[in-house]
Amino acid sequence: PFYYAEDDHQQYLYKNPHGYCGIGGIGVCLPPQ
């Protein structure tokens, strides 16, 4: 299932449109939205 990220994560995605890894330190990677 998909969980909405916290505001900091959303802003991170705006700054890094290619996605990012390490959500909650569990190494999950998100593809570009």
Protein backbone atom coordinates (compact mmCIF):
# COMPACT_ATOMS: atom_id res chain seq x y z
CA PRO A 1 0.00 0.00 0.00
CA PHE A 2 1.00 3.60 -0.54
CA TYR A 3 1.41 5.92 2.43
CA TYR A 4 1.45 9.68 2.09
CA ALA A 5 4.80 11.08 3.11
CA GLU A 6 5.24 13.70 5.77
CA ASP A 7 5.55 17.33 4.71
CA ASP A 8 9.35 17.20 4.90
CA HIS A 9 9.38 14.21 2.57
CA GLN A 10 7.01 15.91 0.15
CA GLN A 11 9.24 18.98 0.03
CA TYR A 12 12.24 16.70 -0.45
CA LEU A 13 10.55 15.17 -3.48
CA TYR A 14 9.94 18.64 -4.89
CA LYS A 15 13.66 19.36 -4.55
CA ASN A 16 14.64 15.88 -5.76
CA PRO A 17 12.15 14.87 -8.48
CA HIS A 18 14.04 11.62 -9.14
CA GLY A 19 12.82 10.21 -5.85
CA TYR A 20 14.75 9.32 -2.72
CA CYS A 21 15.68 6.39 -0.51
CA GLY A 22 15.86 5.70 3.20
CA ILE A 23 12.30 6.43 4.31
CA GLY A 24 12.30 5.91 8.06
CA GLY A 25 15.75 4.38 7.75
CA ILE A 26 14.39 1.12 6.31
CA GLY A 27 15.90 1.64 2.86
CA VAL A 28 12.68 2.01 0.91
CA CYS A 29 13.12 3.76 -2.43
CA LEU A 30 10.47 5.80 -4.19
CA PRO A 31 10.42 6.23 -7.97
CA PRO A 32 9.78 9.68 -9.45
CA GLN A 33 6.16 10.68 -8.99
